Amino acid sequence: QQGVRYLFNTHIQTIETTTDQISAIVLKEGT
């Protein structure tokens, strides 16, 4: 109700990084 977004039934494949930070969360379908 406050605006938090939930992505259910969503599988994480990997985490993309640069030298010192996270750049993206990669889902199994490639998103």
ModelCIF file with pLDDT and N, C-alpha, C, O atoms, coordinates in Angstrom:
data_MODEL
#
_entry.id   MODEL 
#
_entity.id                         1 
_entity.type                       polymer 
_entity.pdbx_number_of_molecules   1 
#
_entity_poly.entity_id                      1 
_entity_poly.type                           'polypeptide(L)' 
_entity_poly.nstd_linkage                   no 
_entity_poly.nstd_monomer                   no 
_entity_poly.pdbx_seq_one_letter_code       QQGVRYLFNTHIQTIETTTDQISAIVLKEGT 
_entity_poly.pdbx_seq_one_letter_code_can   QQGVRYLFNTHIQTIETTTDQISAIVLKEGT 
_entity_poly.pdbx_strand_id                 A 
#
loop_
_entity_poly_seq.entity_id 
_entity_poly_seq.num 
_entity_poly_seq.mon_id 
_entity_poly_seq.hetero 
1 1  GLN n 
1 2  GLN n 
1 3  GLY n 
1 4  VAL n 
1 5  ARG n 
1 6  TYR n 
1 7  LEU n 
1 8  PHE n 
1 9  ASN n 
1 10 THR n 
1 11 HIS n 
1 12 ILE n 
1 13 GLN n 
1 14 THR n 
1 15 ILE n 
1 16 GLU n 
1 17 THR n 
1 18 THR n 
1 19 THR n 
1 20 ASP n 
1 21 GLN n 
1 22 ILE n 
1 23 SER n 
1 24 ALA n 
1 25 ILE n 
1 26 VAL n 
1 27 LEU n 
1 28 LYS n 
1 29 GLU n 
1 30 GLY n 
1 31 THR n 
#
_struct_asym.id          A 
_struct_asym.entity_id   1 
#
loop_
_ma_qa_metric.id 
_ma_qa_metric.mode 
_ma_qa_metric.name 
_ma_qa_metric.software_group_id 
_ma_qa_metric.type 
1 global pLDDT . pLDDT 
2 local  pLDDT . pLDDT 
#
_ma_qa_metric_global.metric_id      1 
_ma_qa_metric_global.metric_value   97.29 
_ma_qa_metric_global.model_id       1 
_ma_qa_metric_global.ordinal_id     1 
#
loop_
_ma_qa_metric_local.label_asym_id 
_ma_qa_metric_local.label_comp_id 
_ma_qa_metric_local.label_seq_id 
_ma_qa_metric_local.metric_id 
_ma_qa_metric_local.metric_value 
_ma_qa_metric_local.model_id 
_ma_qa_metric_local.ordinal_id 
A GLN 1  2 98.00 1 1  
A GLN 2  2 98.00 1 2  
A GLY 3  2 98.00 1 3  
A VAL 4  2 98.00 1 4  
A ARG 5  2 98.00 1 5  
A TYR 6  2 98.00 1 6  
A LEU 7  2 98.00 1 7  
A PHE 8  2 98.00 1 8  
A ASN 9  2 98.00 1 9  
A THR 10 2 98.00 1 10 
A HIS 11 2 98.00 1 11 
A ILE 12 2 98.00 1 12 
A GLN 13 2 97.00 1 13 
A THR 14 2 98.00 1 14 
A ILE 15 2 98.00 1 15 
A GLU 16 2 98.00 1 16 
A THR 17 2 98.00 1 17 
A THR 18 2 95.00 1 18 
A THR 19 2 93.00 1 19 
A ASP 20 2 96.00 1 20 
A GLN 21 2 98.00 1 21 
A ILE 22 2 98.00 1 22 
A SER 23 2 98.00 1 23 
A ALA 24 2 98.00 1 24 
A ILE 25 2 98.00 1 25 
A VAL 26 2 98.00 1 26 
A LEU 27 2 98.00 1 27 
A LYS 28 2 96.00 1 28 
A GLU 29 2 93.00 1 29 
A GLY 30 2 95.00 1 30 
A THR 31 2 97.00 1 31 
#
loop_
_atom_site.group_PDB 
_atom_site.id 
_atom_site.type_symbol 
_atom_site.label_atom_id 
_atom_site.label_alt_id 
_atom_site.label_comp_id 
_atom_site.label_asym_id 
_atom_site.label_entity_id 
_atom_site.label_seq_id 
_atom_site.pdbx_PDB_ins_code 
_atom_site.Cartn_x 
_atom_site.Cartn_y 
_atom_site.Cartn_z 
_atom_site.occupancy 
_atom_site.B_iso_or_equiv 
_atom_site.pdbx_formal_charge 
_atom_site.auth_seq_id 
_atom_site.auth_comp_id 
_atom_site.auth_asym_id 
_atom_site.auth_atom_id 
_atom_site.pdbx_PDB_model_num 
ATOM 1   N N  . GLN A 1 1  ? 0.824  -1.206  0.000   1.00 98.00 ? 1  GLN A N  1 
ATOM 2   C CA . GLN A 1 1  ? 0.000  0.000   0.000   1.00 98.00 ? 1  GLN A CA 1 
ATOM 3   C C  . GLN A 1 1  ? 0.861  1.259   0.000   1.00 98.00 ? 1  GLN A C  1 
ATOM 4   O O  . GLN A 1 1  ? 0.446  2.310   -0.488  1.00 98.00 ? 1  GLN A O  1 
ATOM 5   N N  . GLN A 1 2  ? 2.064  1.136   0.554   1.00 98.00 ? 2  GLN A N  1 
ATOM 6   C CA . GLN A 1 2  ? 2.973  2.277   0.631   1.00 98.00 ? 2  GLN A CA 1 
ATOM 7   C C  . GLN A 1 2  ? 3.820  2.438   -0.631  1.00 98.00 ? 2  GLN A C  1 
ATOM 8   O O  . GLN A 1 2  ? 4.544  3.423   -0.774  1.00 98.00 ? 2  GLN A O  1 
ATOM 9   N N  . GLY A 1 3  ? 3.728  1.465   -1.549  1.00 98.00 ? 3  GLY A N  1 
ATOM 10  C CA . GLY A 1 3  ? 4.435  1.587   -2.809  1.00 98.00 ? 3  GLY A CA 1 
ATOM 11  C C  . GLY A 1 3  ? 5.616  0.669   -3.021  1.00 98.00 ? 3  GLY A C  1 
ATOM 12  O O  . GLY A 1 3  ? 6.305  0.781   -4.035  1.00 98.00 ? 3  GLY A O  1 
ATOM 13  N N  . VAL A 1 4  ? 5.871  -0.242  -2.083  1.00 98.00 ? 4  VAL A N  1 
ATOM 14  C CA . VAL A 1 4  ? 6.938  -1.218  -2.301  1.00 98.00 ? 4  VAL A CA 1 
ATOM 15  C C  . VAL A 1 4  ? 6.511  -2.180  -3.404  1.00 98.00 ? 4  VAL A C  1 
ATOM 16  O O  . VAL A 1 4  ? 5.363  -2.620  -3.437  1.00 98.00 ? 4  VAL A O  1 
ATOM 17  N N  . ARG A 1 5  ? 7.417  -2.499  -4.289  1.00 98.00 ? 5  ARG A N  1 
ATOM 18  C CA . ARG A 1 5  ? 7.141  -3.391  -5.417  1.00 98.00 ? 5  ARG A CA 1 
ATOM 19  C C  . ARG A 1 5  ? 7.706  -4.778  -5.108  1.00 98.00 ? 5  ARG A C  1 
ATOM 20  O O  . ARG A 1 5  ? 8.864  -4.903  -4.712  1.00 98.00 ? 5  ARG A O  1 
ATOM 21  N N  . TYR A 1 6  ? 6.896  -5.808  -5.287  1.00 98.00 ? 6  TYR A N  1 
ATOM 22  C CA . TYR A 1 6  ? 7.331  -7.183  -5.074  1.00 98.00 ? 6  TYR A CA 1 
ATOM 23  C C  . TYR A 1 6  ? 7.345  -7.934  -6.399  1.00 98.00 ? 6  TYR A C  1 
ATOM 24  O O  . TYR A 1 6  ? 6.352  -7.938  -7.126  1.00 98.00 ? 6  TYR A O  1 
ATOM 25  N N  . LEU A 1 7  ? 8.458  -8.562  -6.707  1.00 98.00 ? 7  LEU A N  1 
ATOM 26  C CA . LEU A 1 7  ? 8.571  -9.418  -7.891  1.00 98.00 ? 7  LEU A CA 1 
ATOM 27  C C  . LEU A 1 7  ? 8.616  -10.862 -7.406  1.00 98.00 ? 7  LEU A C  1 
ATOM 28  O O  . LEU A 1 7  ? 9.684  -11.390 -7.097  1.00 98.00 ? 7  LEU A O  1 
ATOM 29  N N  . PHE A 1 8  ? 7.445  -11.497 -7.344  1.00 98.00 ? 8  PHE A N  1 
ATOM 30  C CA . PHE A 1 8  ? 7.361  -12.889 -6.903  1.00 98.00 ? 8  PHE A CA 1 
ATOM 31  C C  . PHE A 1 8  ? 7.568  -13.840 -8.082  1.00 98.00 ? 8  PHE A C  1 
ATOM 32  O O  . PHE A 1 8  ? 7.564  -13.427 -9.242  1.00 98.00 ? 8  PHE A O  1 
ATOM 33  N N  . ASN A 1 9  ? 7.749  -15.123 -7.758  1.00 98.00 ? 9  ASN A N  1 
ATOM 34  C CA . ASN A 1 9  ? 8.001  -16.144 -8.794  1.00 98.00 ? 9  ASN A CA 1 
ATOM 35  C C  . ASN A 1 9  ? 9.150  -15.714 -9.709  1.00 98.00 ? 9  ASN A C  1 
ATOM 36  O O  . ASN A 1 9  ? 9.127  -15.958 -10.915 1.00 98.00 ? 9  ASN A O  1 
ATOM 37  N N  . THR A 1 10 ? 10.139 -15.078 -9.119  1.00 98.00 ? 10 THR A N  1 
ATOM 38  C CA . THR A 1 10 ? 11.245 -14.499 -9.882  1.00 98.00 ? 10 THR A CA 1 
ATOM 39  C C  . THR A 1 10 ? 12.564 -15.103 -9.403  1.00 98.00 ? 10 THR A C  1 
ATOM 40  O O  . THR A 1 10 ? 12.928 -14.978 -8.234  1.00 98.00 ? 10 THR A O  1 
ATOM 41  N N  . HIS A 1 11 ? 13.264 -15.750 -10.312 1.00 98.00 ? 11 HIS A N  1 
ATOM 42  C CA . HIS A 1 11 ? 14.500 -16.451 -9.956  1.00 98.00 ? 11 HIS A CA 1 
ATOM 43  C C  . HIS A 1 11 ? 15.721 -15.632 -10.367 1.00 98.00 ? 11 HIS A C  1 
ATOM 44  O O  . HIS A 1 11 ? 15.812 -15.146 -11.494 1.00 98.00 ? 11 HIS A O  1 
ATOM 45  N N  . ILE A 1 12 ? 16.651 -15.492 -9.434  1.00 98.00 ? 12 ILE A N  1 
ATOM 46  C CA . ILE A 1 12 ? 17.878 -14.736 -9.687  1.00 98.00 ? 12 ILE A CA 1 
ATOM 47  C C  . ILE A 1 12 ? 18.933 -15.664 -10.286 1.00 98.00 ? 12 ILE A C  1 
ATOM 48  O O  . ILE A 1 12 ? 19.205 -16.736 -9.744  1.00 98.00 ? 12 ILE A O  1 
ATOM 49  N N  . GLN A 1 13 ? 19.517 -15.252 -11.394 1.00 97.00 ? 13 GLN A N  1 
ATOM 50  C CA . GLN A 1 13 ? 20.563 -16.038 -12.041 1.00 97.00 ? 13 GLN A CA 1 
ATOM 51  C C  . GLN A 1 13 ? 21.943 -15.669 -11.517 1.00 97.00 ? 13 GLN A C  1 
ATOM 52  O O  . GLN A 1 13 ? 22.721 -16.542 -11.134 1.00 97.00 ? 13 GLN A O  1 
ATOM 53  N N  . THR A 1 14 ? 22.246 -14.376 -11.500 1.00 98.00 ? 14 THR A N  1 
ATOM 54  C CA . THR A 1 14 ? 23.564 -13.939 -11.058 1.00 98.00 ? 14 THR A CA 1 
ATOM 55  C C  . THR A 1 14 ? 23.515 -12.461 -10.705 1.00 98.00 ? 14 THR A C  1 
ATOM 56  O O  . THR A 1 14 ? 22.480 -11.807 -10.841 1.00 98.00 ? 14 THR A O  1 
ATOM 57  N N  . ILE A 1 15 ? 24.650 -11.947 -10.250 1.00 98.00 ? 15 ILE A N  1 
ATOM 58  C CA . ILE A 1 15 ? 24.790 -10.532 -9.918  1.00 98.00 ? 15 ILE A CA 1 
ATOM 59  C C  . ILE A 1 15 ? 25.910 -9.959  -10.772 1.00 98.00 ? 15 ILE A C  1 
ATOM 60  O O  . ILE A 1 15 ? 27.012 -10.506 -10.805 1.00 98.00 ? 15 ILE A O  1 
ATOM 61  N N  . GLU A 1 16 ? 25.633 -8.863  -11.460 1.00 98.00 ? 16 GLU A N  1 
ATOM 62  C CA . GLU A 1 16 ? 26.660 -8.211  -12.270 1.00 98.00 ? 16 GLU A CA 1 
ATOM 63  C C  . GLU A 1 16 ? 27.357 -7.127  -11.452 1.00 98.00 ? 16 GLU A C  1 
ATOM 64  O O  . GLU A 1 16 ? 26.721 -6.395  -10.693 1.00 98.00 ? 16 GLU A O  1 
ATOM 65  N N  . THR A 1 17 ? 28.671 -7.040  -11.620 1.00 98.00 ? 17 THR A N  1 
ATOM 66  C CA . THR A 1 17 ? 29.444 -6.062  -10.867 1.00 98.00 ? 17 THR A CA 1 
ATOM 67  C C  . THR A 1 17 ? 30.375 -5.272  -11.786 1.00 98.00 ? 17 THR A C  1 
ATOM 68  O O  . THR A 1 17 ? 30.718 -5.705  -12.886 1.00 98.00 ? 17 THR A O  1 
ATOM 69  N N  . THR A 1 18 ? 30.769 -4.102  -11.292 1.00 95.00 ? 18 THR A N  1 
ATOM 70  C CA . THR A 1 18 ? 31.911 -3.380  -11.864 1.00 95.00 ? 18 THR A CA 1 
ATOM 71  C C  . THR A 1 18 ? 33.035 -3.526  -10.838 1.00 95.00 ? 18 THR A C  1 
ATOM 72  O O  . THR A 1 18 ? 32.980 -4.418  -9.992  1.00 95.00 ? 18 THR A O  1 
ATOM 73  N N  . THR A 1 19 ? 34.016 -2.698  -10.898 1.00 93.00 ? 19 THR A N  1 
ATOM 74  C CA . THR A 1 19 ? 35.156 -2.840  -9.987  1.00 93.00 ? 19 THR A CA 1 
ATOM 75  C C  . THR A 1 19 ? 34.755 -2.777  -8.521  1.00 93.00 ? 19 THR A C  1 
ATOM 76  O O  . THR A 1 19 ? 35.218 -3.582  -7.712  1.00 93.00 ? 19 THR A O  1 
ATOM 77  N N  . ASP A 1 20 ? 33.903 -1.830  -8.180  1.00 96.00 ? 20 ASP A N  1 
ATOM 78  C CA . ASP A 1 20 ? 33.612 -1.614  -6.760  1.00 96.00 ? 20 ASP A CA 1 
ATOM 79  C C  . ASP A 1 20 ? 32.129 -1.498  -6.435  1.00 96.00 ? 20 ASP A C  1 
ATOM 80  O O  . ASP A 1 20 ? 31.770 -1.056  -5.343  1.00 96.00 ? 20 ASP A O  1 
ATOM 81  N N  . GLN A 1 21 ? 31.253 -1.892  -7.377  1.00 98.00 ? 21 GLN A N  1 
ATOM 82  C CA . GLN A 1 21 ? 29.834 -1.826  -7.054  1.00 98.00 ? 21 GLN A CA 1 
ATOM 83  C C  . GLN A 1 21 ? 29.018 -2.818  -7.879  1.00 98.00 ? 21 GLN A C  1 
ATOM 84  O O  . GLN A 1 21 ? 29.494 -3.376  -8.868  1.00 98.00 ? 21 GLN A O  1 
ATOM 85  N N  . ILE A 1 22 ? 27.786 -3.019  -7.445  1.00 98.00 ? 22 ILE A N  1 
ATOM 86  C CA . ILE A 1 22 ? 26.845 -3.869  -8.171  1.00 98.00 ? 22 ILE A CA 1 
ATOM 87  C C  . ILE A 1 22 ? 26.205 -3.038  -9.276  1.00 98.00 ? 22 ILE A C  1 
ATOM 88  O O  . ILE A 1 22 ? 25.810 -1.892  -9.059  1.00 98.00 ? 22 ILE A O  1 
ATOM 89  N N  . SER A 1 23 ? 26.108 -3.631  -10.462 1.00 98.00 ? 23 SER A N  1 
ATOM 90  C CA . SER A 1 23 ? 25.501 -2.898  -11.579 1.00 98.00 ? 23 SER A CA 1 
ATOM 91  C C  . SER A 1 23 ? 24.108 -3.410  -11.925 1.00 98.00 ? 23 SER A C  1 
ATOM 92  O O  . SER A 1 23 ? 23.280 -2.658  -12.439 1.00 98.00 ? 23 SER A O  1 
ATOM 93  N N  . ALA A 1 24 ? 23.840 -4.708  -11.642 1.00 98.00 ? 24 ALA A N  1 
ATOM 94  C CA . ALA A 1 24 ? 22.511 -5.244  -11.974 1.00 98.00 ? 24 ALA A CA 1 
ATOM 95  C C  . ALA A 1 24 ? 22.307 -6.616  -11.335 1.00 98.00 ? 24 ALA A C  1 
ATOM 96  O O  . ALA A 1 24 ? 23.263 -7.328  -11.030 1.00 98.00 ? 24 ALA A O  1 
ATOM 97  N N  . ILE A 1 25 ? 21.041 -6.963  -11.142 1.00 98.00 ? 25 ILE A N  1 
ATOM 98  C CA . ILE A 1 25 ? 20.637 -8.327  -10.787 1.00 98.00 ? 25 ILE A CA 1 
ATOM 99  C C  . ILE A 1 25 ? 20.101 -8.967  -12.058 1.00 98.00 ? 25 ILE A C  1 
ATOM 100 O O  . ILE A 1 25 ? 19.174 -8.445  -12.677 1.00 98.00 ? 25 ILE A O  1 
ATOM 101 N N  . VAL A 1 26 ? 20.680 -10.088 -12.445 1.00 98.00 ? 26 VAL A N  1 
ATOM 102 C CA . VAL A 1 26 ? 20.280 -10.768 -13.671 1.00 98.00 ? 26 VAL A CA 1 
ATOM 103 C C  . VAL A 1 26 ? 19.329 -11.909 -13.318 1.00 98.00 ? 26 VAL A C  1 
ATOM 104 O O  . VAL A 1 26 ? 19.681 -12.804 -12.550 1.00 98.00 ? 26 VAL A O  1 
ATOM 105 N N  . LEU A 1 27 ? 18.125 -11.872 -13.881 1.00 98.00 ? 27 LEU A N  1 
ATOM 106 C CA . LEU A 1 27 ? 17.139 -12.914 -13.634 1.00 98.00 ? 27 LEU A CA 1 
ATOM 107 C C  . LEU A 1 27 ? 17.341 -14.077 -14.596 1.00 98.00 ? 27 LEU A C  1 
ATOM 108 O O  . LEU A 1 27 ? 18.050 -13.943 -15.594 1.00 98.00 ? 27 LEU A O  1 
ATOM 109 N N  . LYS A 1 28 ? 16.725 -15.210 -14.303 1.00 96.00 ? 28 LYS A N  1 
ATOM 110 C CA . LYS A 1 28 ? 16.943 -16.418 -15.110 1.00 96.00 ? 28 LYS A CA 1 
ATOM 111 C C  . LYS A 1 28 ? 16.509 -16.254 -16.548 1.00 96.00 ? 28 LYS A C  1 
ATOM 112 O O  . LYS A 1 28 ? 17.098 -16.851 -17.448 1.00 96.00 ? 28 LYS A O  1 
ATOM 113 N N  . GLU A 1 29 ? 15.475 -15.442 -16.775 1.00 93.00 ? 29 GLU A N  1 
ATOM 114 C CA . GLU A 1 29 ? 15.020 -15.246 -18.156 1.00 93.00 ? 29 GLU A CA 1 
ATOM 115 C C  . GLU A 1 29 ? 15.862 -14.212 -18.897 1.00 93.00 ? 29 GLU A C  1 
ATOM 116 O O  . GLU A 1 29 ? 15.611 -13.911 -20.065 1.00 93.00 ? 29 GLU A O  1 
ATOM 117 N N  . GLY A 1 30 ? 16.873 -13.667 -18.198 1.00 95.00 ? 30 GLY A N  1 
ATOM 118 C CA . GLY A 1 30 ? 17.775 -12.722 -18.845 1.00 95.00 ? 30 GLY A CA 1 
ATOM 119 C C  . GLY A 1 30 ? 17.514 -11.261 -18.550 1.00 95.00 ? 30 GLY A C  1 
ATOM 120 O O  . GLY A 1 30 ? 18.339 -10.403 -18.865 1.00 95.00 ? 30 GLY A O  1 
ATOM 121 N N  . THR A 1 31 ? 16.367 -10.970 -17.944 1.00 97.00 ? 31 THR A N  1 
ATOM 122 C CA . THR A 1 31 ? 16.040 -9.588  -17.585 1.00 97.00 ? 31 THR A CA 1 
ATOM 123 C C  . THR A 1 31 ? 17.007 -9.068  -16.522 1.00 97.00 ? 31 THR A C  1 
ATOM 124 O O  . THR A 1 31 ? 16.893 -7.921  -16.090 1.00 97.00 ? 31 THR A O  1 
#
